[in-house]
């Protein structure tokens, strides 16, 4: 089974980690969490595999550490989340030409393949290498920071996740989604239902969350 695991939060200290089987349109495991840590994903996987589930691939949102949890099976990083991450750093209207061109590269992601996208990304790096390495020194100190740190962060995110952005094309027989949309939709439905009952005690809220998640197994 292909797996999509992720965590959604209400506020800073209360969330629910959910594992979803997208081809079954079914949530198969969940637990309450105070923060998102990789140990929860290790635990959830161990519980499900002990029950007989066999995972052939996984789709993740790109959070660091997730590829390690599932390093023994094909990992696809959600292309939609990758594009959101780049947009977070560059905005929809980057001020610099380097940022504008990097955003243009990013927009090719959903309609590209690994070879084409890799060329676009590294052509950009070749043209804007100085932008990635420029440093600004803080007057009167030995400290410094990257001058174009947001552009650099956007590029580094793409470069780091590049090996996982086209996994779905490498294993067509596994029918791997290229986004986590199945679970994102489940989270949206869950939050809409829970938010109607704002003010519930924590224990009652979790019972309600469980019922909603279980109901989506139908």
Foldseek 3Di string as FASTA:
>chain_A
DEKEWDWDDDPQFWIKIWIDDLVLLATDDMDIGGDDDVVVVLVVVVVVVVVPDDHQEYEYQLPPPPCVSVVPHAYAHALVSLLVLLCVLQPPDRPDPLSVLVNVLSVCLVVDALVVSVVSLVVSCVVCVCLLPDWDADPPDRDIDRPSVSSNVSSVSCVVCSVRQHSCVVCVVVVDDNHPVSVVVLVVVLCVVLVVVPPDDPVVSVVSSVVSNRVSSD
